[in-house]
Amino acid sequence: MGHVAQVRIPATYIRGGTSKGVFFSLQDLPKSAQVAGAARNALLLRVIGSPDPYGKQTDGMGGATSSTSKTVIVAKSSVADHDVDYLFGQVAIDKAFVDWSGNCGNLSAAVGAFAISSGLVDAQRIPVNGIATVRIWQANISKTIIAHVPISSGQVQETGDFQLDGVTFPAAKIQVEFLDPAGDGAMFPTGNVVDDLLVPGVGTLSATMINAGIPTIFVNAVDIGYSGTELQDDINTDEKALAMFEAIRSHGAVQMGLIGHIDEAAARQHTPKVAIVAPSADYLSSSGKSIAAADIDLSVRALSMGKLHHAMMGTAAVAIGTAAAIPGTLVNLAAGGGERHEVNFGHPSGTLLVGAKASFVQGQWTADKAIMNRSARVLMEGWVRIPGDSF
């Protein structure tokens, strides 16, 4: 009996922000996976090790969390005045499903560095020493991201003294700008900065539903029995709580016009996100670090792929910063109200500062840009191997 040989595909395993994923150059993928479709999805699922009914992704590169079950495809840009196109695939852990509906803000920090190291950026745009500005077209949401990547002796600098809460070791700082981060259509799909969201079995909740960075539903922590200082185990071990958050997410998705019926939410796991906000308070982070209420503007906890995130998704941070800049949103009110151009918020692993600029134009709010600092580091490079009949 014959056996199918494994194929090997050039790939790089990279930590970006508080996430990590498998990065590919488009031209290195097998021909059938160079275009969107079943072959590409099957290939990425097998690389990551999904679907895995054990929830461990032992037979793949995934790390059994939403933060570590990610894939990225980068190519020379097809869009004028951009260096590369960046396509993000969020791979479900226990289902045969790749969600292409949104961006990963954390991995955005690694795209510029990967593009430079892979020869996808014009060499004339890269200084011998200094900062390389990489213009990224985010293909999932058709938006521009600017990554400011440090360069030392002509190479991407990865080591440094920038400490990012949620990442154990320091690294070089990469500033990431998300330009015009609102998606297609209105930034507030309902036209309101705060809405009543009816969730059967939960009640009617005040909610800010915003499309900036990634579609996100914010609710007050106190309205659903939380303080806003929770850590992962406080929520992720509670099946009733997780079901409640999914109900909020599903009904919010309908009200935002992202889906037509709540039954469609299961096929759109990556978006929207749901987050709880609360005024600043003292708490201990997941590493045991003491976070003082006086050092933050508010507390935020967000769920990704059905679980409380260990830190904060980069795209959700964009939504937080943008919403904080708009008077009257739940995020802005939790931070004390008023006019804000940046906000420092507490999350399970520590704190994060994000800046944002929003404008009120012709009767509606628009997001100009959001800025945050992240870091990225190559963990491994070479080839991934998967059985040849996987795709």
Protein backbone atom coordinates (compact mmCIF):
# COMPACT_ATOMS: atom_id res chain seq x y z
CA MET A 1 0.00 0.00 0.00
CA GLY A 2 1.38 3.38 -1.02
CA HIS A 3 1.70 6.32 1.29
CA VAL A 4 1.32 9.97 0.45
CA ALA A 5 4.55 11.90 0.92
CA GLN A 6 4.68 15.14 2.83
CA VAL A 7 5.22 18.40 0.98
CA ARG A 8 7.23 21.25 2.42
CA ILE A 9 6.30 24.91 2.06
CA PRO A 10 8.56 27.87 2.92
CA ALA A 11 7.16 29.56 6.03
CA THR A 12 8.15 31.72 8.98
CA TYR A 13 6.75 31.44 12.51
CA ILE A 14 6.54 34.93 14.03
CA ARG A 15 5.32 36.55 17.20
CA GLY A 16 3.60 39.84 16.48
CA GLY A 17 2.36 41.81 19.49
CA THR A 18 0.65 39.35 21.84
CA SER A 19 -0.12 36.86 19.05
CA LYS A 20 1.89 34.52 16.88
CA GLY A 21 1.22 32.93 13.54
CA VAL A 22 2.59 31.17 10.48
CA PHE A 23 3.60 33.62 7.71
CA PHE A 24 3.80 32.77 4.01
CA SER A 25 4.86 34.66 0.92
CA LEU A 26 2.08 34.20 -1.59
CA GLN A 27 4.42 32.96 -4.34
CA ASP A 28 5.75 30.22 -2.04
CA LEU A 29 2.36 28.55 -1.64
CA PRO A 30 1.39 25.66 -3.93
CA LYS A 31 -0.38 26.96 -7.05
CA SER A 32 -3.80 25.74 -5.94
CA ALA A 33 -3.46 27.68 -2.67
CA GLN A 34 -2.28 30.90 -4.25
CA VAL A 35 -5.92 31.82 -4.84
CA ALA A 36 -8.77 31.99 -2.34
CA GLY A 37 -10.82 28.85 -2.01
CA ALA A 38 -11.09 25.35 -0.62
CA ALA A 39 -7.47 24.33 -1.33
CA ARG A 40 -6.04 27.35 0.51
CA ASN A 41 -8.34 26.82 3.49
CA ALA A 42 -7.51 23.11 3.67
CA LEU A 43 -3.79 23.81 3.51
CA LEU A 44 -3.88 26.38 6.32
CA LEU A 45 -6.06 24.16 8.50
CA ARG A 46 -3.56 21.31 8.16
CA VAL A 47 -0.59 23.59 8.84
CA ILE A 48 -2.16 24.85 12.06
CA GLY A 49 -3.53 21.43 13.09
CA SER A 50 -7.26 21.99 12.82
CA PRO A 51 -9.91 20.83 13.25
CA ASP A 52 -8.81 19.20 16.49
CA PRO A 53 -11.56 17.68 18.68
CA TYR A 54 -9.02 17.53 21.52
CA GLY A 55 -8.58 21.32 21.30
CA LYS A 56 -4.76 21.12 21.47
CA GLN A 57 -3.60 21.42 17.81
CA THR A 58 -0.84 18.96 18.71
CA ASP A 59 -0.42 17.86 15.07
CA GLY A 60 0.18 21.36 13.75
CA MET A 61 1.71 24.76 14.39
CA GLY A 62 -1.24 26.18 16.34
CA GLY A 63 -1.03 26.87 20.05
CA ALA A 64 -4.63 25.97 20.98
CA THR A 65 -5.71 29.58 21.64
CA SER A 66 -7.21 32.24 19.41
CA SER A 67 -3.95 34.21 19.78
CA THR A 68 -1.85 31.38 18.40
CA SER A 69 -4.12 29.87 15.73
CA LYS A 70 -3.35 32.38 13.01
CA THR A 71 -2.00 32.52 9.46
CA VAL A 72 -0.75 35.36 7.27
CA ILE A 73 -0.17 35.58 3.52
CA VAL A 74 1.96 38.48 2.23
CA ALA A 75 2.58 39.52 -1.38
CA LYS A 76 3.93 42.43 -3.37
CA SER A 77 1.12 44.96 -3.34
CA SER A 78 -1.42 45.21 -6.12
CA VAL A 79 -2.51 48.63 -4.76
CA ALA A 80 -0.79 51.89 -5.73
CA ASP A 81 1.45 53.54 -3.11
CA HIS A 82 1.63 50.39 -0.99
CA ASP A 83 4.52 47.97 -0.56
CA VAL A 84 2.72 44.74 0.32
CA ASP A 85 -0.71 43.15 0.55
CA TYR A 86 -1.45 41.44 3.87
CA LEU A 87 -4.14 38.77 4.15
CA PHE A 88 -5.03 37.33 7.55
CA GLY A 89 -6.70 33.99 8.24
CA GLN A 90 -8.01 33.20 11.72
CA VAL A 91 -8.09 29.41 12.00
CA ALA A 92 -10.73 27.81 14.21
CA ILE A 93 -9.37 25.25 16.64
CA ASP A 94 -12.09 22.61 16.75
CA LYS A 95 -13.82 23.32 13.43
CA ALA A 96 -12.75 23.08 9.79
CA PHE A 97 -13.08 26.81 9.33
CA VAL A 98 -10.82 29.74 8.38
CA ASP A 99 -12.32 33.15 9.07
CA TRP A 100 -11.26 35.85 6.60
CA SER A 101 -13.69 38.51 7.85
CA GLY A 102 -11.25 40.75 9.72
CA ASN A 103 -7.70 41.81 10.47
CA CYS A 104 -5.28 40.84 13.25
CA GLY A 105 -3.85 44.04 14.69
CA ASN A 106 -1.15 42.26 16.68
CA LEU A 107 0.25 40.40 13.68
CA SER A 108 0.10 43.64 11.70
CA ALA A 109 3.24 44.61 13.62
CA ALA A 110 5.09 41.63 12.14
CA VAL A 111 3.99 42.11 8.52
CA GLY A 112 6.39 44.96 7.77
CA ALA A 113 9.35 43.11 9.26
CA PHE A 114 8.47 39.91 7.37
CA ALA A 115 8.03 41.85 4.13
CA ILE A 116 11.46 43.46 4.48
CA SER A 117 13.22 40.20 5.37
CA SER A 118 11.48 38.40 2.49
CA GLY A 119 12.60 40.93 -0.11
CA LEU A 120 9.08 42.19 -0.77
CA VAL A 121 9.95 45.84 -0.05
CA ASP A 122 12.04 47.90 -2.46
CA ALA A 123 15.60 47.95 -1.10
CA GLN A 124 15.79 51.70 -1.72
CA ARG A 125 13.11 52.20 0.93
CA ILE A 126 15.17 50.51 3.63
CA PRO A 127 17.85 52.58 5.43
CA VAL A 128 21.10 51.07 6.63
CA ASN A 129 20.23 52.30 10.11
CA GLY A 130 17.00 53.96 11.22
CA ILE A 131 13.32 53.34 10.60
CA ALA A 132 11.83 51.74 7.48
CA THR A 133 8.28 52.81 6.71
CA VAL A 134 6.32 49.92 5.22
CA ARG A 135 2.99 50.71 3.55
CA ILE A 136 0.68 47.73 4.04
CA TRP A 137 -2.61 47.10 2.28
CA GLN A 138 -4.80 45.08 4.65
CA ALA A 139 -6.66 42.95 2.10
CA ASN A 140 -9.32 41.54 4.47
CA ILE A 141 -10.78 44.97 5.21
CA SER A 142 -9.28 47.09 2.38
CA LYS A 143 -7.46 49.50 4.69
CA THR A 144 -3.96 50.97 4.96
CA ILE A 145 -1.57 50.16 7.81
CA ILE A 146 1.78 51.90 8.20
CA ALA A 147 4.47 49.97 10.08
CA HIS A 148 7.58 51.80 11.27
CA VAL A 149 10.19 49.04 11.48
CA PRO A 150 13.60 49.63 13.13
CA ILE A 151 16.60 48.73 10.98
CA SER A 152 20.12 48.08 12.22
CA SER A 153 23.03 47.46 9.81
CA GLY A 154 20.57 46.92 6.97
CA GLN A 155 18.63 44.21 8.79
CA VAL A 156 15.35 44.24 10.69
CA GLN A 157 16.10 44.91 14.35
CA GLU A 158 14.21 42.48 16.56
CA THR A 159 15.88 42.82 19.94
CA GLY A 160 15.46 45.85 22.16
CA ASP A 161 14.19 47.12 25.49
CA PHE A 162 10.53 47.73 24.65
CA GLN A 163 8.34 45.79 27.07
CA LEU A 164 4.83 44.91 25.94
CA ASP A 165 2.44 43.63 28.60
CA GLY A 166 1.37 40.12 27.65
CA VAL A 167 4.80 39.30 26.17
CA THR A 168 7.43 37.85 28.49
CA PHE A 169 10.62 39.25 26.96
CA PRO A 170 11.50 42.74 25.67
CA ALA A 171 12.07 43.43 21.98
CA ALA A 172 12.42 46.29 19.49
CA LYS A 173 9.51 48.72 19.32
CA ILE A 174 7.45 48.91 16.13
CA GLN A 175 4.97 51.77 15.81
CA VAL A 176 1.84 50.79 13.87
CA GLU A 177 -0.60 53.29 12.36
CA PHE A 178 -4.06 52.16 11.29
CA LEU A 179 -5.31 54.75 8.79
CA ASP A 180 -9.04 55.37 8.39
CA PRO A 181 -9.67 52.25 10.49
CA ALA A 182 -13.47 52.26 10.17
CA GLY A 183 -14.75 49.61 7.79
CA ASP A 184 -17.05 50.13 4.84
CA GLY A 185 -20.10 52.18 5.73
CA ALA A 186 -20.72 54.12 8.92
CA MET A 187 -18.39 53.78 11.89
CA PHE A 188 -21.52 53.45 14.03
CA PRO A 189 -23.73 51.16 11.90
CA THR A 190 -26.88 52.04 13.89
CA GLY A 191 -26.15 55.77 13.75
CA ASN A 192 -25.90 55.95 17.55
CA VAL A 193 -22.92 56.03 19.90
CA VAL A 194 -24.99 54.06 22.43
CA ASP A 195 -27.86 51.68 21.67
CA ASP A 196 -30.23 49.43 23.56
CA LEU A 197 -29.27 45.85 22.68
CA LEU A 198 -31.94 43.26 23.48
CA VAL A 199 -30.40 39.87 24.23
CA PRO A 200 -32.98 37.19 25.08
CA GLY A 201 -32.18 35.55 28.39
CA VAL A 202 -29.83 38.38 29.34
CA GLY A 203 -31.92 41.54 29.08
CA THR A 204 -31.64 44.91 27.39
CA LEU A 205 -28.10 46.24 27.61
CA SER A 206 -26.59 49.60 26.81
CA ALA A 207 -24.07 48.97 24.04
CA THR A 208 -21.63 50.91 21.90
CA MET A 209 -21.32 49.12 18.58
CA ILE A 210 -18.46 50.49 16.52
CA ASN A 211 -16.67 49.50 13.36
CA ALA A 212 -13.10 50.73 13.80
CA GLY A 213 -10.14 48.39 13.54
CA ILE A 214 -12.60 45.55 13.86
CA PRO A 215 -16.36 45.53 14.50
CA THR A 216 -16.70 45.57 18.29
CA ILE A 217 -19.59 45.54 20.77
CA PHE A 218 -18.86 47.26 24.09
CA VAL A 219 -21.09 46.77 27.13
CA ASN A 220 -20.70 47.94 30.71
CA ALA A 221 -19.16 45.25 32.90
CA VAL A 222 -21.46 46.04 35.81
CA ASP A 223 -24.56 45.49 33.64
CA ILE A 224 -23.76 41.78 33.31
CA GLY A 225 -22.34 41.17 36.77
CA TYR A 226 -18.64 41.85 36.29
CA SER A 227 -16.15 44.36 37.69
CA GLY A 228 -13.97 44.73 34.60
CA THR A 229 -10.89 43.42 36.44
CA GLU A 230 -11.47 39.74 35.58
CA LEU A 231 -8.70 37.44 34.37
CA GLN A 232 -9.04 34.58 31.91
CA ASP A 233 -10.03 31.83 34.35
CA ASP A 234 -12.79 34.01 35.81
CA ILE A 235 -14.66 33.79 32.51
CA ASN A 236 -13.20 31.01 30.39
CA THR A 237 -14.02 28.31 32.95
CA ASP A 238 -17.66 29.42 33.10
CA GLU A 239 -19.65 27.86 30.27
CA LYS A 240 -22.76 29.89 31.14
CA ALA A 241 -20.77 33.11 30.92
CA LEU A 242 -19.27 32.14 27.57
CA ALA A 243 -22.74 31.33 26.22
CA MET A 244 -23.98 34.72 27.44
CA PHE A 245 -21.14 36.53 25.69
CA GLU A 246 -21.81 34.62 22.48
CA ALA A 247 -25.48 35.60 22.69
CA ILE A 248 -24.47 39.26 23.10
CA ARG A 249 -22.08 38.95 20.17
CA SER A 250 -24.62 37.24 17.92
CA HIS A 251 -27.47 39.68 18.59
CA GLY A 252 -25.10 42.62 18.33
CA ALA A 253 -23.87 41.34 14.96
CA VAL A 254 -27.45 41.35 13.70
CA GLN A 255 -28.08 44.88 15.01
CA MET A 256 -24.83 46.06 13.38
CA GLY A 257 -25.96 44.61 10.05
CA LEU A 258 -23.03 42.20 9.84
CA ILE A 259 -25.32 39.18 9.59
CA GLY A 260 -28.98 38.73 8.80
CA HIS A 261 -29.80 36.21 11.54
CA ILE A 262 -28.10 35.05 14.71
CA ASP A 263 -27.69 31.57 13.23
CA GLU A 264 -25.09 33.05 10.86
CA ALA A 265 -22.82 34.10 13.76
CA ALA A 266 -21.26 30.64 14.01
CA ALA A 267 -19.79 31.08 10.52
CA ARG A 268 -18.34 34.47 11.48
CA GLN A 269 -16.42 33.74 14.66
CA HIS A 270 -13.65 36.31 14.25
CA THR A 271 -15.99 39.30 14.02
CA PRO A 272 -17.53 41.12 15.73
CA LYS A 273 -15.66 41.15 19.03
CA VAL A 274 -17.43 41.71 22.34
CA ALA A 275 -15.83 43.59 25.23
CA ILE A 276 -16.75 44.82 28.69
CA VAL A 277 -15.67 48.21 30.01
CA ALA A 278 -15.44 49.63 33.53
CA PRO A 279 -13.90 52.63 35.29
CA SER A 280 -10.29 52.18 36.38
CA ALA A 281 -9.67 50.02 39.45
CA ASP A 282 -6.73 48.38 41.20
CA TYR A 283 -6.06 44.76 40.21
CA LEU A 284 -3.36 42.15 39.81
CA SER A 285 -2.53 41.20 36.22
CA SER A 286 -2.20 37.58 35.14
CA SER A 287 1.57 37.78 35.78
CA GLY A 288 1.02 39.09 39.31
CA LYS A 289 1.92 42.66 38.39
CA SER A 290 0.03 45.27 40.40
CA ILE A 291 -1.99 47.66 38.23
CA ALA A 292 -3.00 50.86 40.01
CA ALA A 293 -6.28 52.58 39.19
CA ALA A 294 -4.43 55.90 39.07
CA ASP A 295 -2.22 54.64 36.23
CA ILE A 296 -5.00 53.73 33.81
CA ASP A 297 -8.03 55.48 32.36
CA LEU A 298 -10.35 52.46 32.35
CA SER A 299 -10.43 48.66 32.33
CA VAL A 300 -11.38 46.60 29.28
CA ARG A 301 -11.77 42.86 28.83
CA ALA A 302 -12.41 41.44 25.35
CA LEU A 303 -13.29 38.04 23.96
CA SER A 304 -11.80 36.51 20.83
CA MET A 305 -13.07 33.34 19.18
CA GLY A 306 -15.34 32.69 22.15
CA LYS A 307 -12.76 33.08 24.94
CA LEU A 308 -11.51 35.95 27.06
CA HIS A 309 -8.27 37.19 25.48
CA HIS A 310 -5.14 36.97 27.64
CA ALA A 311 -4.21 40.58 26.78
CA MET A 312 -5.88 42.67 24.06
CA MET A 313 -6.33 42.12 20.36
CA GLY A 314 -4.65 44.88 18.37
CA THR A 315 -7.72 45.58 16.28
CA ALA A 316 -9.88 45.76 19.41
CA ALA A 317 -7.37 48.23 20.83
CA VAL A 318 -8.00 50.37 17.75
CA ALA A 319 -11.74 50.19 18.49
CA ILE A 320 -11.08 51.10 22.14
CA GLY A 321 -8.91 54.09 21.26
CA THR A 322 -11.34 55.33 18.63
CA ALA A 323 -14.40 54.92 20.86
CA ALA A 324 -12.58 56.67 23.72
CA ALA A 325 -12.03 59.68 21.45
CA ILE A 326 -15.77 60.06 20.80
CA PRO A 327 -17.80 61.71 23.58
CA GLY A 328 -20.68 59.66 24.92
CA THR A 329 -19.58 56.15 23.97
CA LEU A 330 -19.46 53.63 26.79
CA VAL A 331 -15.68 53.52 26.42
CA ASN A 332 -15.40 57.29 26.65
CA LEU A 333 -17.72 57.43 29.67
CA ALA A 334 -15.85 54.64 31.48
CA ALA A 335 -12.66 56.65 30.97
CA GLY A 336 -14.27 59.70 32.56
CA GLY A 337 -15.78 61.36 29.50
CA GLY A 338 -14.59 64.48 27.71
CA GLU A 339 -12.23 64.92 24.79
CA ARG A 340 -9.43 62.37 24.45
CA HIS A 341 -6.68 61.75 21.92
CA GLU A 342 -5.21 58.74 23.69
CA VAL A 343 -6.25 56.29 26.34
CA ASN A 344 -4.29 53.97 28.62
CA PHE A 345 -6.43 50.97 29.49
CA GLY A 346 -5.99 47.96 31.73
CA HIS A 347 -6.35 44.43 30.33
CA PRO A 348 -5.71 40.99 31.86
CA SER A 349 -1.94 41.09 31.20
CA GLY A 350 -1.32 44.74 32.08
CA THR A 351 -1.84 48.04 30.29
CA LEU A 352 -1.79 49.43 26.76
CA LEU A 353 -1.64 53.01 25.49
CA VAL A 354 -3.40 53.70 22.20
CA GLY A 355 -3.86 57.01 20.45
CA ALA A 356 -6.69 57.86 18.08
CA LYS A 357 -8.08 60.79 16.14
CA ALA A 358 -11.75 61.01 15.24
CA SER A 359 -13.67 63.73 13.42
CA PHE A 360 -17.35 64.68 13.21
CA VAL A 361 -18.02 65.24 9.50
CA GLN A 362 -21.39 65.88 7.85
CA GLY A 363 -23.35 64.59 10.80
CA GLN A 364 -21.39 61.43 11.49
CA TRP A 365 -18.18 60.35 13.19
CA THR A 366 -15.20 59.22 11.16
CA ALA A 367 -11.92 57.72 12.36
CA ASP A 368 -8.79 59.34 10.95
CA LYS A 369 -6.22 56.98 12.45
CA ALA A 370 -5.18 55.00 15.49
CA ILE A 371 -1.60 54.47 16.66
CA MET A 372 -0.02 51.97 19.03
CA ASN A 373 3.37 50.46 19.77
CA ARG A 374 3.94 46.72 19.41
CA SER A 375 6.91 44.43 18.79
CA ALA A 376 7.64 41.38 16.67
CA ARG A 377 10.20 38.60 16.58
CA VAL A 378 10.89 35.68 14.26
CA LEU A 379 10.65 32.44 16.23
CA MET A 380 11.50 29.98 13.49
CA GLU A 381 11.97 30.01 9.74
CA GLY A 382 12.32 27.35 7.10
CA TRP A 383 9.52 25.07 5.91
CA VAL A 384 6.32 23.64 7.26
CA ARG A 385 5.41 20.12 6.22
CA ILE A 386 1.97 18.68 5.60
CA PRO A 387 0.74 15.50 3.88
CA GLY A 388 0.51 16.00 0.14
CA ASP A 389 -3.17 15.07 0.00
CA SER A 390 -4.18 17.68 2.61
CA PHE A 391 -5.34 20.30 0.09
